[in-house]
Full PDB file with SEQRES, HELIX, SHEET, SSBOND, CRYST1, ORIGX, SCALE, CONECT and MASTER records, all heavy atoms in Angstrom:
SEQRES   1 A   36  GLU ASN ALA PHE ARG GLY GLU LEU GLN ARG ARG ILE GLN          
SEQRES   2 A   36  GLU SER ASP ALA SER ASP GLU PRO GLY MET THR LEU GLU          
SEQRES   3 A   36  GLU LEU GLY ASP GLU LEU GLY GLU PRO ALA                      
HELIX    1 AA1 ASN A    2  ALA A   17  1                                  16    
HELIX    2 AA2 LEU A   25  LEU A   32  1                                   8    
CRYST1    1.000    1.000    1.000  90.00  90.00  90.00 P 1           1          
ORIGX1      1.000000  0.000000  0.000000        0.00000                         
ORIGX2      0.000000  1.000000  0.000000        0.00000                         
ORIGX3      0.000000  0.000000  1.000000        0.00000                         
SCALE1      1.000000  0.000000  0.000000        0.00000                         
SCALE2      0.000000  1.000000  0.000000        0.00000                         
SCALE3      0.000000  0.000000  1.000000        0.00000                         
ATOM      1  N   GLU A   1     118.553 105.835  96.925  1.00  0.00           N  
ATOM      2  CA  GLU A   1     118.948 105.827  98.413  1.00  0.00           C  
ATOM      3  C   GLU A   1     120.490 106.176  98.574  1.00  0.00           C  
ATOM      4  O   GLU A   1     120.815 106.831  99.487  1.00  0.00           O  
ATOM      5  CB  GLU A   1     118.608 104.488  99.081  1.00  0.00           C  
ATOM      6  CG  GLU A   1     117.168 104.270  99.136  1.00  0.00           C  
ATOM      7  CD  GLU A   1     116.861 102.920  99.734  1.00  0.00           C  
ATOM      8  OE1 GLU A   1     117.678 102.087 100.019  1.00  0.00           O  
ATOM      9  OE2 GLU A   1     115.631 102.587  99.870  1.00  0.00           O  
ATOM     10  N   ASN A   2     121.279 105.680  97.725  1.00  0.00           N  
ATOM     11  CA  ASN A   2     122.749 105.996  97.798  1.00  0.00           C  
ATOM     12  C   ASN A   2     122.930 107.387  97.487  1.00  0.00           C  
ATOM     13  O   ASN A   2     123.910 108.038  98.131  1.00  0.00           O  
ATOM     14  CB  ASN A   2     123.478 105.027  96.874  1.00  0.00           C  
ATOM     15  CG  ASN A   2     123.506 103.507  97.352  1.00  0.00           C  
ATOM     16  OD1 ASN A   2     123.371 103.308  98.493  1.00  0.00           O  
ATOM     17  ND2 ASN A   2     123.775 102.690  96.366  1.00  0.00           N  
ATOM     18  N   ALA A   3     122.282 107.971  96.560  1.00  0.00           N  
ATOM     19  CA  ALA A   3     122.512 109.439  96.285  1.00  0.00           C  
ATOM     20  C   ALA A   3     122.059 110.261  97.505  1.00  0.00           C  
ATOM     21  O   ALA A   3     122.622 111.246  97.853  1.00  0.00           O  
ATOM     22  CB  ALA A   3     121.653 109.867  95.085  1.00  0.00           C  
ATOM     23  N   PHE A   4     120.952 109.890  98.098  1.00  0.00           N  
ATOM     24  CA  PHE A   4     120.454 110.556  99.326  1.00  0.00           C  
ATOM     25  C   PHE A   4     121.533 110.390 100.500  1.00  0.00           C  
ATOM     26  O   PHE A   4     121.812 111.470 101.061  1.00  0.00           O  
ATOM     27  CB  PHE A   4     119.113 110.036  99.748  1.00  0.00           C  
ATOM     28  CG  PHE A   4     118.711 110.557 101.113  1.00  0.00           C  
ATOM     29  CD1 PHE A   4     118.338 111.777 101.397  1.00  0.00           C  
ATOM     30  CD2 PHE A   4     118.714 109.637 102.148  1.00  0.00           C  
ATOM     31  CE1 PHE A   4     117.973 112.253 102.626  1.00  0.00           C  
ATOM     32  CE2 PHE A   4     118.423 110.031 103.557  1.00  0.00           C  
ATOM     33  CZ  PHE A   4     117.929 111.286 103.635  1.00  0.00           C  
ATOM     34  N   ARG A   5     121.931 109.255 100.647  1.00  0.00           N  
ATOM     35  CA  ARG A   5     122.882 109.014 101.630  1.00  0.00           C  
ATOM     36  C   ARG A   5     124.223 109.849 101.430  1.00  0.00           C  
ATOM     37  O   ARG A   5     124.839 110.385 102.317  1.00  0.00           O  
ATOM     38  CB  ARG A   5     123.254 107.576 101.834  1.00  0.00           C  
ATOM     39  CG  ARG A   5     122.296 106.683 102.535  1.00  0.00           C  
ATOM     40  CD  ARG A   5     122.626 105.306 102.813  1.00  0.00           C  
ATOM     41  NE  ARG A   5     121.512 104.493 103.227  1.00  0.00           N  
ATOM     42  CZ  ARG A   5     121.046 103.530 102.628  1.00  0.00           C  
ATOM     43  NH1 ARG A   5     121.572 103.006 101.472  1.00  0.00           N  
ATOM     44  NH2 ARG A   5     120.030 102.743 103.073  1.00  0.00           N  
ATOM     45  N   GLY A   6     124.693 109.851 100.250  1.00  0.00           N  
ATOM     46  CA  GLY A   6     125.811 110.663  99.881  1.00  0.00           C  
ATOM     47  C   GLY A   6     125.624 112.110 100.075  1.00  0.00           C  
ATOM     48  O   GLY A   6     126.511 112.813 100.708  1.00  0.00           O  
ATOM     49  N   GLU A   7     124.442 112.616  99.731  1.00  0.00           N  
ATOM     50  CA  GLU A   7     124.182 114.096  99.886  1.00  0.00           C  
ATOM     51  C   GLU A   7     124.085 114.349 101.428  1.00  0.00           C  
ATOM     52  O   GLU A   7     124.593 115.447 101.950  1.00  0.00           O  
ATOM     53  CB  GLU A   7     122.800 114.459  99.278  1.00  0.00           C  
ATOM     54  CG  GLU A   7     122.490 115.873  99.451  1.00  0.00           C  
ATOM     55  CD  GLU A   7     123.337 116.912  98.793  1.00  0.00           C  
ATOM     56  OE1 GLU A   7     124.161 116.517  98.063  1.00  0.00           O  
ATOM     57  OE2 GLU A   7     123.195 118.101  99.289  1.00  0.00           O  
ATOM     58  N   LEU A   8     123.552 113.478 102.251  1.00  0.00           N  
ATOM     59  CA  LEU A   8     123.424 113.669 103.638  1.00  0.00           C  
ATOM     60  C   LEU A   8     124.787 113.598 104.332  1.00  0.00           C  
ATOM     61  O   LEU A   8     125.089 114.469 105.079  1.00  0.00           O  
ATOM     62  CB  LEU A   8     122.541 112.481 104.202  1.00  0.00           C  
ATOM     63  CG  LEU A   8     122.193 112.532 105.664  1.00  0.00           C  
ATOM     64  CD1 LEU A   8     121.489 114.010 105.962  1.00  0.00           C  
ATOM     65  CD2 LEU A   8     121.318 111.446 106.164  1.00  0.00           C  
ATOM     66  N   GLN A   9     125.619 112.649 103.944  1.00  0.00           N  
ATOM     67  CA  GLN A   9     126.930 112.614 104.483  1.00  0.00           C  
ATOM     68  C   GLN A   9     127.790 113.948 104.109  1.00  0.00           C  
ATOM     69  O   GLN A   9     128.467 114.415 104.876  1.00  0.00           O  
ATOM     70  CB  GLN A   9     127.789 111.438 103.809  1.00  0.00           C  
ATOM     71  CG  GLN A   9     129.173 111.131 104.396  1.00  0.00           C  
ATOM     72  CD  GLN A   9     129.071 110.866 105.851  1.00  0.00           C  
ATOM     73  OE1 GLN A   9     128.095 110.284 106.468  1.00  0.00           O  
ATOM     74  NE2 GLN A   9     130.149 111.349 106.606  1.00  0.00           N  
ATOM     75  N   ARG A  10     127.584 114.415 102.853  1.00  0.00           N  
ATOM     76  CA  ARG A  10     128.399 115.540 102.468  1.00  0.00           C  
ATOM     77  C   ARG A  10     127.863 116.707 103.319  1.00  0.00           C  
ATOM     78  O   ARG A  10     128.693 117.460 103.799  1.00  0.00           O  
ATOM     79  CB  ARG A  10     127.990 115.911 100.949  1.00  0.00           C  
ATOM     80  CG  ARG A  10     128.852 117.127 100.392  1.00  0.00           C  
ATOM     81  CD  ARG A  10     128.325 117.479  98.974  1.00  0.00           C  
ATOM     82  NE  ARG A  10     126.974 117.995  98.833  1.00  0.00           N  
ATOM     83  CZ  ARG A  10     126.581 119.114  99.285  1.00  0.00           C  
ATOM     84  NH1 ARG A  10     127.402 120.049  99.791  1.00  0.00           N  
ATOM     85  NH2 ARG A  10     125.342 119.546  99.218  1.00  0.00           N  
ATOM     86  N   ARG A  11     126.584 116.840 103.501  1.00  0.00           N  
ATOM     87  CA  ARG A  11     126.086 118.099 104.315  1.00  0.00           C  
ATOM     88  C   ARG A  11     126.529 117.922 105.785  1.00  0.00           C  
ATOM     89  O   ARG A  11     126.765 118.952 106.464  1.00  0.00           O  
ATOM     90  CB  ARG A  11     124.568 118.174 104.284  1.00  0.00           C  
ATOM     91  CG  ARG A  11     124.153 118.567 102.840  1.00  0.00           C  
ATOM     92  CD  ARG A  11     122.598 118.590 102.764  1.00  0.00           C  
ATOM     93  NE  ARG A  11     122.302 119.047 101.478  1.00  0.00           N  
ATOM     94  CZ  ARG A  11     121.381 120.075 101.165  1.00  0.00           C  
ATOM     95  NH1 ARG A  11     120.893 120.640 102.182  1.00  0.00           N  
ATOM     96  NH2 ARG A  11     121.038 120.333  99.948  1.00  0.00           N  
ATOM     97  N   ILE A  12     126.627 116.701 106.251  1.00  0.00           N  
ATOM     98  CA  ILE A  12     127.093 116.487 107.588  1.00  0.00           C  
ATOM     99  C   ILE A  12     128.572 116.921 107.775  1.00  0.00           C  
ATOM    100  O   ILE A  12     128.808 117.587 108.719  1.00  0.00           O  
ATOM    101  CB  ILE A  12     126.846 114.985 108.072  1.00  0.00           C  
ATOM    102  CG1 ILE A  12     125.406 114.730 108.356  1.00  0.00           C  
ATOM    103  CG2 ILE A  12     127.601 114.673 109.388  1.00  0.00           C  
ATOM    104  CD1 ILE A  12     125.079 113.230 108.484  1.00  0.00           C  
ATOM    105  N   GLN A  13     129.325 116.539 106.816  1.00  0.00           N  
ATOM    106  CA  GLN A  13     130.733 116.843 106.898  1.00  0.00           C  
ATOM    107  C   GLN A  13     130.922 118.330 106.760  1.00  0.00           C  
ATOM    108  O   GLN A  13     131.682 119.052 107.478  1.00  0.00           O  
ATOM    109  CB  GLN A  13     131.511 116.152 105.732  1.00  0.00           C  
ATOM    110  CG  GLN A  13     131.661 114.759 105.920  1.00  0.00           C  
ATOM    111  CD  GLN A  13     132.126 113.958 104.840  1.00  0.00           C  
ATOM    112  OE1 GLN A  13     132.254 114.396 103.717  1.00  0.00           O  
ATOM    113  NE2 GLN A  13     132.575 112.711 105.057  1.00  0.00           N  
ATOM    114  N   GLU A  14     130.104 119.104 105.782  1.00  0.00           N  
ATOM    115  CA  GLU A  14     130.174 120.538 105.802  1.00  0.00           C  
ATOM    116  C   GLU A  14     129.777 121.150 107.060  1.00  0.00           C  
ATOM    117  O   GLU A  14     130.418 122.074 107.447  1.00  0.00           O  
ATOM    118  CB  GLU A  14     129.311 120.946 104.562  1.00  0.00           C  
ATOM    119  CG  GLU A  14     129.873 120.676 103.189  1.00  0.00           C  
ATOM    120  CD  GLU A  14     128.870 121.149 102.147  1.00  0.00           C  
ATOM    121  OE1 GLU A  14     127.818 121.725 102.453  1.00  0.00           O  
ATOM    122  OE2 GLU A  14     129.288 121.032 100.871  1.00  0.00           O  
ATOM    123  N   SER A  15     128.718 120.667 107.674  1.00  0.00           N  
ATOM    124  CA  SER A  15     128.299 121.221 108.860  1.00  0.00           C  
ATOM    125  C   SER A  15     129.323 121.132 110.014  1.00  0.00           C  
ATOM    126  O   SER A  15     129.470 121.963 110.855  1.00  0.00           O  
ATOM    127  CB  SER A  15     126.948 120.578 109.306  1.00  0.00           C  
ATOM    128  OG  SER A  15     126.518 121.057 110.572  1.00  0.00           O  
ATOM    129  N   ASP A  16     129.923 119.856 109.994  1.00  0.00           N  
ATOM    130  CA  ASP A  16     130.990 119.647 111.180  1.00  0.00           C  
ATOM    131  C   ASP A  16     132.166 120.657 110.977  1.00  0.00           C  
ATOM    132  O   ASP A  16     132.696 120.954 111.892  1.00  0.00           O  
ATOM    133  CB  ASP A  16     131.361 118.099 111.093  1.00  0.00           C  
ATOM    134  CG  ASP A  16     130.312 117.159 111.606  1.00  0.00           C  
ATOM    135  OD1 ASP A  16     129.368 117.723 112.149  1.00  0.00           O  
ATOM    136  OD2 ASP A  16     130.523 116.080 111.445  1.00  0.00           O  
ATOM    137  N   ALA A  17     132.420 120.943 109.643  1.00  0.00           N  
ATOM    138  CA  ALA A  17     133.627 121.828 109.403  1.00  0.00           C  
ATOM    139  C   ALA A  17     133.315 123.210 109.493  1.00  0.00           C  
ATOM    140  O   ALA A  17     134.276 124.104 109.619  1.00  0.00           O  
ATOM    141  CB  ALA A  17     134.251 121.507 108.022  1.00  0.00           C  
ATOM    142  N   SER A  18     132.081 123.578 109.584  1.00  0.00           N  
ATOM    143  CA  SER A  18     131.667 125.044 109.740  1.00  0.00           C  
ATOM    144  C   SER A  18     131.618 125.495 111.104  1.00  0.00           C  
ATOM    145  O   SER A  18     131.305 124.776 112.076  1.00  0.00           O  
ATOM    146  CB  SER A  18     130.213 125.054 109.040  1.00  0.00           C  
ATOM    147  OG  SER A  18     129.849 126.420 109.341  1.00  0.00           O  
ATOM    148  N   ASP A  19     131.866 126.774 111.295  1.00  0.00           N  
ATOM    149  CA  ASP A  19     131.666 127.398 112.686  1.00  0.00           C  
ATOM    150  C   ASP A  19     130.287 127.822 112.909  1.00  0.00           C  
ATOM    151  O   ASP A  19     130.027 128.288 114.015  1.00  0.00           O  
ATOM    152  CB  ASP A  19     132.677 128.518 112.819  1.00  0.00           C  
ATOM    153  CG  ASP A  19     134.101 128.101 112.831  1.00  0.00           C  
ATOM    154  OD1 ASP A  19     134.390 126.946 113.330  1.00  0.00           O  
ATOM    155  OD2 ASP A  19     135.024 128.933 112.574  1.00  0.00           O  
ATOM    156  N   GLU A  20     129.433 127.840 111.835  1.00  0.00           N  
ATOM    157  CA  GLU A  20     128.057 128.247 111.899  1.00  0.00           C  
ATOM    158  C   GLU A  20     127.202 127.336 112.593  1.00  0.00           C  
ATOM    159  O   GLU A  20     127.485 126.045 112.498  1.00  0.00           O  
ATOM    160  CB  GLU A  20     127.578 128.684 110.672  1.00  0.00           C  
ATOM    161  CG  GLU A  20     128.329 129.796 109.841  1.00  0.00           C  
ATOM    162  CD  GLU A  20     127.703 130.103 108.504  1.00  0.00           C  
ATOM    163  OE1 GLU A  20     126.547 129.843 108.253  1.00  0.00           O  
ATOM    164  OE2 GLU A  20     128.474 130.733 107.708  1.00  0.00           O  
ATOM    165  N   PRO A  21     126.154 127.727 113.285  1.00  0.00           N  
ATOM    166  CA  PRO A  21     125.279 126.807 114.010  1.00  0.00           C  
ATOM    167  C   PRO A  21     124.579 125.865 112.784  1.00  0.00           C  
ATOM    168  O   PRO A  21     124.214 126.402 111.774  1.00  0.00           O  
ATOM    169  CB  PRO A  21     124.207 127.698 114.703  1.00  0.00           C  
ATOM    170  CG  PRO A  21     124.278 128.976 114.118  1.00  0.00           C  
ATOM    171  CD  PRO A  21     125.767 129.210 113.522  1.00  0.00           C  
ATOM    172  N   GLY A  22     124.390 124.690 113.077  1.00  0.00           N  
ATOM    173  CA  GLY A  22     123.774 123.741 112.075  1.00  0.00           C  
ATOM    174  C   GLY A  22     122.272 123.873 112.050  1.00  0.00           C  
ATOM    175  O   GLY A  22     121.786 124.672 112.757  1.00  0.00           O  
ATOM    176  N   MET A  23     121.716 123.058 111.249  1.00  0.00           N  
ATOM    177  CA  MET A  23     120.258 123.059 111.163  1.00  0.00           C  
ATOM    178  C   MET A  23     119.747 121.712 111.908  1.00  0.00           C  
ATOM    179  O   MET A  23     120.404 120.817 112.071  1.00  0.00           O  
ATOM    180  CB  MET A  23     119.901 123.057 109.690  1.00  0.00           C  
ATOM    181  CG  MET A  23     120.197 121.850 108.917  1.00  0.00           C  
ATOM    182  SD  MET A  23     119.457 121.988 107.255  1.00  0.00           S  
ATOM    183  CE  MET A  23     120.083 123.476 106.446  1.00  0.00           C  
ATOM    184  N   THR A  24     118.453 121.830 112.190  1.00  0.00           N  
ATOM    185  CA  THR A  24     117.732 120.642 112.820  1.00  0.00           C  
ATOM    186  C   THR A  24     117.575 119.605 111.724  1.00  0.00           C  
ATOM    187  O   THR A  24     117.574 119.896 110.525  1.00  0.00           O  
ATOM    188  CB  THR A  24     116.487 121.017 113.466  1.00  0.00           C  
ATOM    189  OG1 THR A  24     115.555 121.391 112.418  1.00  0.00           O  
ATOM    190  CG2 THR A  24     116.663 122.132 114.514  1.00  0.00           C  
ATOM    191  N   LEU A  25     117.251 118.394 112.174  1.00  0.00           N  
ATOM    192  CA  LEU A  25     117.033 117.332 111.182  1.00  0.00           C  
ATOM    193  C   LEU A  25     115.684 117.701 110.405  1.00  0.00           C  
ATOM    194  O   LEU A  25     115.549 117.482 109.254  1.00  0.00           O  
ATOM    195  CB  LEU A  25     116.778 116.013 111.842  1.00  0.00           C  
ATOM    196  CG  LEU A  25     118.098 115.409 112.349  1.00  0.00           C  
ATOM    197  CD1 LEU A  25     117.802 114.090 113.056  1.00  0.00           C  
ATOM    198  CD2 LEU A  25     118.989 115.106 111.085  1.00  0.00           C  
ATOM    199  N   GLU A  26     114.691 118.389 111.172  1.00  0.00           N  
ATOM    200  CA  GLU A  26     113.521 118.747 110.372  1.00  0.00           C  
ATOM    201  C   GLU A  26     113.753 119.712 109.394  1.00  0.00           C  
ATOM    202  O   GLU A  26     113.229 119.608 108.181  1.00  0.00           O  
ATOM    203  CB  GLU A  26     112.486 119.276 111.392  1.00  0.00           C  
ATOM    204  CG  GLU A  26     111.886 118.183 112.330  1.00  0.00           C  
ATOM    205  CD  GLU A  26     112.604 118.143 113.658  1.00  0.00           C  
ATOM    206  OE1 GLU A  26     113.833 118.674 113.751  1.00  0.00           O  
ATOM    207  OE2 GLU A  26     112.177 117.423 114.605  1.00  0.00           O  
ATOM    208  N   GLU A  27     114.632 120.709 109.680  1.00  0.00           N  
ATOM    209  CA  GLU A  27     114.984 121.771 108.643  1.00  0.00           C  
ATOM    210  C   GLU A  27     115.765 121.068 107.470  1.00  0.00           C  
ATOM    211  O   GLU A  27     115.547 121.435 106.279  1.00  0.00           O  
ATOM    212  CB  GLU A  27     115.887 122.776 109.262  1.00  0.00           C  
ATOM    213  CG  GLU A  27     115.158 123.740 110.254  1.00  0.00           C  
ATOM    214  CD  GLU A  27     116.155 124.566 111.109  1.00  0.00           C  
ATOM    215  OE1 GLU A  27     117.220 124.205 111.265  1.00  0.00           O  
ATOM    216  OE2 GLU A  27     115.627 125.645 111.574  1.00  0.00           O  
ATOM    217  N   LEU A  28     116.734 119.994 107.768  1.00  0.00           N  
ATOM    218  CA  LEU A  28     117.378 119.394 106.641  1.00  0.00           C  
ATOM    219  C   LEU A  28     116.370 118.634 105.750  1.00  0.00           C  
ATOM    220  O   LEU A  28     116.463 118.721 104.566  1.00  0.00           O  
ATOM    221  CB  LEU A  28     118.415 118.423 107.311  1.00  0.00           C  
ATOM    222  CG  LEU A  28     119.094 117.560 106.295  1.00  0.00           C  
ATOM    223  CD1 LEU A  28     119.956 118.477 105.344  1.00  0.00           C  
ATOM    224  CD2 LEU A  28     120.001 116.527 106.977  1.00  0.00           C  
ATOM    225  N   GLY A  29     115.393 117.992 106.430  1.00  0.00           N  
ATOM    226  CA  GLY A  29     114.418 117.289 105.734  1.00  0.00           C  
ATOM    227  C   GLY A  29     113.574 118.137 104.789  1.00  0.00           C  
ATOM    228  O   GLY A  29     113.288 117.882 103.579  1.00  0.00           O  
ATOM    229  N   ASP A  30     113.322 119.340 105.344  1.00  0.00           N  
ATOM    230  CA  ASP A  30     112.495 120.305 104.558  1.00  0.00           C  
ATOM    231  C   ASP A  30     113.288 120.855 103.340  1.00  0.00           C  
ATOM    232  O   ASP A  30     112.676 121.034 102.229  1.00  0.00           O  
ATOM    233  CB  ASP A  30     112.061 121.440 105.366  1.00  0.00           C  
ATOM    234  CG  ASP A  30     110.933 121.153 106.419  1.00  0.00           C  
ATOM    235  OD1 ASP A  30     110.241 120.008 106.270  1.00  0.00           O  
ATOM    236  OD2 ASP A  30     110.767 121.857 107.361  1.00  0.00           O  
ATOM    237  N   GLU A  31     114.547 121.014 103.656  1.00  0.00           N  
ATOM    238  CA  GLU A  31     115.512 121.549 102.529  1.00  0.00           C  
ATOM    239  C   GLU A  31     115.648 120.449 101.427  1.00  0.00           C  
ATOM    240  O   GLU A  31     115.679 120.798 100.164  1.00  0.00           O  
ATOM    241  CB  GLU A  31     116.876 121.982 103.196  1.00  0.00           C  
ATOM    242  CG  GLU A  31     117.653 122.668 102.026  1.00  0.00           C  
ATOM    243  CD  GLU A  31     118.976 122.996 102.617  1.00  0.00           C  
ATOM    244  OE1 GLU A  31     118.960 123.714 103.691  1.00  0.00           O  
ATOM    245  OE2 GLU A  31     119.932 122.924 101.900  1.00  0.00           O  
ATOM    246  N   LEU A  32     115.838 119.229 101.867  1.00  0.00           N  
ATOM    247  CA  LEU A  32     115.992 118.125 100.887  1.00  0.00           C  
ATOM    248  C   LEU A  32     114.792 117.704 100.180  1.00  0.00           C  
ATOM    249  O   LEU A  32     114.862 117.123  99.118  1.00  0.00           O  
ATOM    250  CB  LEU A  32     116.754 116.935 101.562  1.00  0.00           C  
ATOM    251  CG  LEU A  32     118.129 117.146 101.973  1.00  0.00           C  
ATOM    252  CD1 LEU A  32     118.593 115.955 102.779  1.00  0.00           C  
ATOM    253  CD2 LEU A  32     119.046 117.520 100.877  1.00  0.00           C  
ATOM    254  N   GLY A  33     113.629 117.868 100.795  1.00  0.00           N  
ATOM    255  CA  GLY A  33     112.334 117.403 100.253  1.00  0.00           C  
ATOM    256  C   GLY A  33     112.148 115.976 100.409  1.00  0.00           C  
ATOM    257  O   GLY A  33     112.823 115.269 101.130  1.00  0.00           O  
ATOM    258  N   GLU A  34     111.168 115.415  99.641  1.00  0.00           N  
ATOM    259  CA  GLU A  34     110.844 113.944  99.639  1.00  0.00           C  
ATOM    260  C   GLU A  34     111.860 113.266  98.889  1.00  0.00           C  
ATOM    261  O   GLU A  34     112.393 113.769  97.826  1.00  0.00           O  
ATOM    262  CB  GLU A  34     109.472 113.779  99.124  1.00  0.00           C  
ATOM    263  CG  GLU A  34     108.468 114.246 100.093  1.00  0.00           C  
ATOM    264  CD  GLU A  34     108.349 113.579 101.503  1.00  0.00           C  
ATOM    265  OE1 GLU A  34     108.921 112.463 101.709  1.00  0.00           O  
ATOM    266  OE2 GLU A  34     107.972 114.268 102.419  1.00  0.00           O  
ATOM    267  N   PRO A  35     112.263 112.045  99.222  1.00  0.00           N  
ATOM    268  CA  PRO A  35     111.791 111.219 100.367  1.00  0.00           C  
ATOM    269  C   PRO A  35     112.579 111.411 101.625  1.00  0.00           C  
ATOM    270  O   PRO A  35     112.243 110.810 102.620  1.00  0.00           O  
ATOM    271  CB  PRO A  35     112.020 109.797  99.828  1.00  0.00           C  
ATOM    272  CG  PRO A  35     113.332 109.901  99.000  1.00  0.00           C  
ATOM    273  CD  PRO A  35     113.096 111.234  98.301  1.00  0.00           C  
ATOM    274  N   ALA A  36     113.481 112.427 101.593  1.00  0.00           N  
ATOM    275  CA  ALA A  36     114.328 112.594 102.803  1.00  0.00           C  
ATOM    276  C   ALA A  36     113.411 113.011 104.036  1.00  0.00           C  
ATOM    277  O   ALA A  36     113.618 112.505 105.093  1.00  0.00           O  
ATOM    278  CB  ALA A  36     115.382 113.728 102.433  1.00  0.00           C  
TER     279      ALA A  36                                                      
MASTER        0    0    0    2    0    0    0    6  278    1    0    3          
END                                                                             
């Protein structure tokens, strides 16, 4: 769970710093796979 939270936090920070449009939560879940 901590590894998942860390990965999620990293991706959120990268997305916030990027000028590109982000992905939906569903897309993020699909990319991360289970259990995300």
